[in-house]
């Protein structure tokens, strides 16, 4: 059993390490490895988030969007991966603004989803006795 602080940081560590590999090493094997490590961290984050949601019992069955459930859940991470691939894989500087926009959108979606899913159980409100004013 891992300590709670270490256990909770595993998906973030995967994403950071995979991103560092993507941005730091210029070889096709490093790119594939970095994408797979980021993808593994994203899958762990999505699975934990889906399992801990207190607002919806089963998010997969309640999701009513146009996109498939897994594609929707992985969207912020897909934006980030494509942005990093554009930064590292292209020598054309005209791709950099598009990559930056995709990176900002991916981070914004990830932060929004994190803020929407606080993973807290609702606290029941204790019934108060009614006061009759006379």
Protein backbone atom coordinates (compact mmCIF):
# COMPACT_ATOMS: atom_id res chain seq x y z
CA UNK A 1 0.00 0.00 0.00
CA UNK A 2 1.33 3.40 -0.95
CA UNK A 3 1.03 6.50 1.21
CA UNK A 4 -1.93 8.67 0.22
CA UNK A 5 0.20 11.64 -0.92
CA UNK A 6 2.31 9.46 -3.20
CA UNK A 7 -0.74 7.61 -4.52
CA UNK A 8 -2.53 10.85 -5.40
CA UNK A 9 0.46 12.29 -7.30
CA UNK A 10 1.05 9.28 -9.57
CA UNK A 11 -1.08 10.47 -12.54
CA UNK A 12 0.45 13.94 -12.37
CA UNK A 13 3.95 12.47 -12.20
CA UNK A 14 3.24 10.35 -15.30
CA UNK A 15 2.01 13.40 -17.18
CA UNK A 16 5.00 15.53 -16.16
CA UNK A 17 7.57 12.82 -16.96
CA UNK A 18 5.93 12.02 -20.30
CA UNK A 19 5.81 15.71 -21.20
CA UNK A 20 9.48 16.14 -20.27
CA UNK A 21 10.40 13.20 -22.48
CA UNK A 22 8.34 14.63 -25.34
CA UNK A 23 9.88 18.07 -25.05
CA UNK A 24 13.42 17.04 -24.17
CA UNK A 25 14.45 14.15 -26.39
CA UNK A 26 14.34 14.27 -30.18
CA UNK A 27 13.89 10.70 -31.36
CA UNK A 28 10.86 8.81 -32.57
CA UNK A 29 11.22 6.25 -29.77
CA UNK A 30 11.20 9.03 -27.17
CA UNK A 31 8.14 10.59 -28.78
CA UNK A 32 6.24 7.29 -28.69
CA UNK A 33 7.35 6.64 -25.10
CA UNK A 34 6.40 10.15 -23.98
CA UNK A 35 2.97 9.94 -25.59
CA UNK A 36 2.32 6.54 -23.99
CA UNK A 37 3.41 7.75 -20.54
CA UNK A 38 1.22 10.88 -20.77
CA UNK A 39 -1.65 8.70 -22.01
CA UNK A 40 -1.17 6.32 -19.04
CA UNK A 41 -1.29 9.23 -16.59
CA UNK A 42 -4.39 10.62 -18.29
CA UNK A 43 -6.18 7.26 -18.15
CA UNK A 44 -5.37 6.90 -14.45
CA UNK A 45 -6.63 10.44 -13.79
CA UNK A 46 -9.87 9.82 -15.72
CA UNK A 47 -10.52 6.47 -14.03
CA UNK A 48 -9.97 7.91 -10.55
CA UNK A 49 -12.04 10.97 -11.32
CA UNK A 50 -14.89 8.87 -12.69
CA UNK A 51 -14.78 6.53 -9.71
CA UNK A 52 -14.76 9.32 -7.11
CA UNK A 53 -17.50 11.48 -8.51
CA UNK A 54 -20.20 12.09 -5.98
CA UNK A 55 -22.57 14.04 -8.24
CA UNK A 56 -23.17 11.19 -10.71
CA UNK A 57 -23.20 7.54 -9.69
CA UNK A 58 -22.10 6.20 -13.08
CA UNK A 59 -20.79 8.96 -15.35
CA UNK A 60 -20.58 6.70 -18.39
CA UNK A 61 -24.28 5.95 -18.33
CA UNK A 62 -25.27 9.54 -17.48
CA UNK A 63 -23.04 11.16 -20.12
CA UNK A 64 -25.28 12.38 -22.92
CA UNK A 65 -22.86 14.25 -25.13
CA UNK A 66 -22.25 13.91 -28.84
CA UNK A 67 -18.66 12.66 -28.48
CA UNK A 68 -17.95 9.15 -27.18
CA UNK A 69 -17.36 9.09 -23.41
CA UNK A 70 -13.65 8.23 -23.51
CA UNK A 71 -12.88 10.69 -26.29
CA UNK A 72 -14.60 13.44 -24.30
CA UNK A 73 -12.76 12.54 -21.10
CA UNK A 74 -9.35 12.44 -22.84
CA UNK A 75 -9.89 15.71 -24.75
CA UNK A 76 -7.77 17.99 -22.48
CA UNK A 77 -4.89 15.52 -22.61
CA UNK A 78 -5.21 15.11 -26.37
CA UNK A 79 -4.94 18.87 -26.82
CA UNK A 80 -1.81 18.90 -24.67
CA UNK A 81 -0.17 16.00 -26.52
CA UNK A 82 -0.86 17.51 -29.95
CA UNK A 83 0.48 20.88 -28.76
CA UNK A 84 3.70 19.29 -27.50
CA UNK A 85 4.08 17.33 -30.74
CA UNK A 86 3.68 20.57 -32.70
CA UNK A 87 6.29 22.29 -30.53
CA UNK A 88 8.87 19.53 -30.85
CA UNK A 89 8.12 18.00 -34.24
CA UNK A 90 7.91 21.11 -36.36
CA UNK A 91 10.68 23.43 -37.42
CA UNK A 92 8.15 25.89 -38.85
CA UNK A 93 7.62 28.77 -36.40
CA UNK A 94 4.13 29.38 -37.80
CA UNK A 95 2.91 26.26 -35.98
CA UNK A 96 3.92 27.66 -32.57
CA UNK A 97 0.89 29.97 -32.09
CA UNK A 98 -1.46 27.07 -32.87
CA UNK A 99 0.44 24.83 -30.49
CA UNK A 100 0.26 27.46 -27.75
CA UNK A 101 -3.49 27.90 -28.25
CA UNK A 102 -4.02 24.13 -28.08
CA UNK A 103 -1.91 23.90 -24.93
CA UNK A 104 -3.85 26.70 -23.22
CA UNK A 105 -7.20 25.16 -24.21
CA UNK A 106 -6.09 21.74 -22.93
CA UNK A 107 -4.93 23.15 -19.60
CA UNK A 108 -8.12 25.20 -19.27
CA UNK A 109 -10.33 22.15 -19.91
CA UNK A 110 -8.35 20.10 -17.42
CA UNK A 111 -8.62 22.79 -14.74
CA UNK A 112 -12.35 23.24 -15.37
CA UNK A 113 -12.98 19.52 -15.05
CA UNK A 114 -10.90 19.37 -11.90
CA UNK A 115 -12.87 22.24 -10.37
CA UNK A 116 -16.22 20.71 -11.33
CA UNK A 117 -15.29 17.39 -9.74
CA UNK A 118 -14.48 18.21 -6.17
CA UNK A 119 -15.11 14.59 -5.08
CA UNK A 120 -16.81 15.57 -1.87
CA UNK A 121 -19.84 13.88 -0.47
CA UNK A 122 -22.74 16.23 0.18
CA UNK A 123 -23.11 17.05 3.85
CA UNK A 124 -26.63 16.33 5.05
CA UNK A 125 -28.41 19.31 6.50
CA UNK A 126 -29.73 18.62 9.96
CA UNK A 127 -33.39 19.30 10.40
CA UNK A 128 -33.96 22.35 12.54
CA UNK A 129 -37.07 22.69 14.67
CA UNK A 130 -39.56 25.09 13.21
CA UNK A 131 -40.02 28.31 15.09
CA UNK A 132 -43.52 29.56 15.23
CA UNK A 133 -43.78 33.31 15.46
CA UNK A 134 -46.81 34.52 17.10
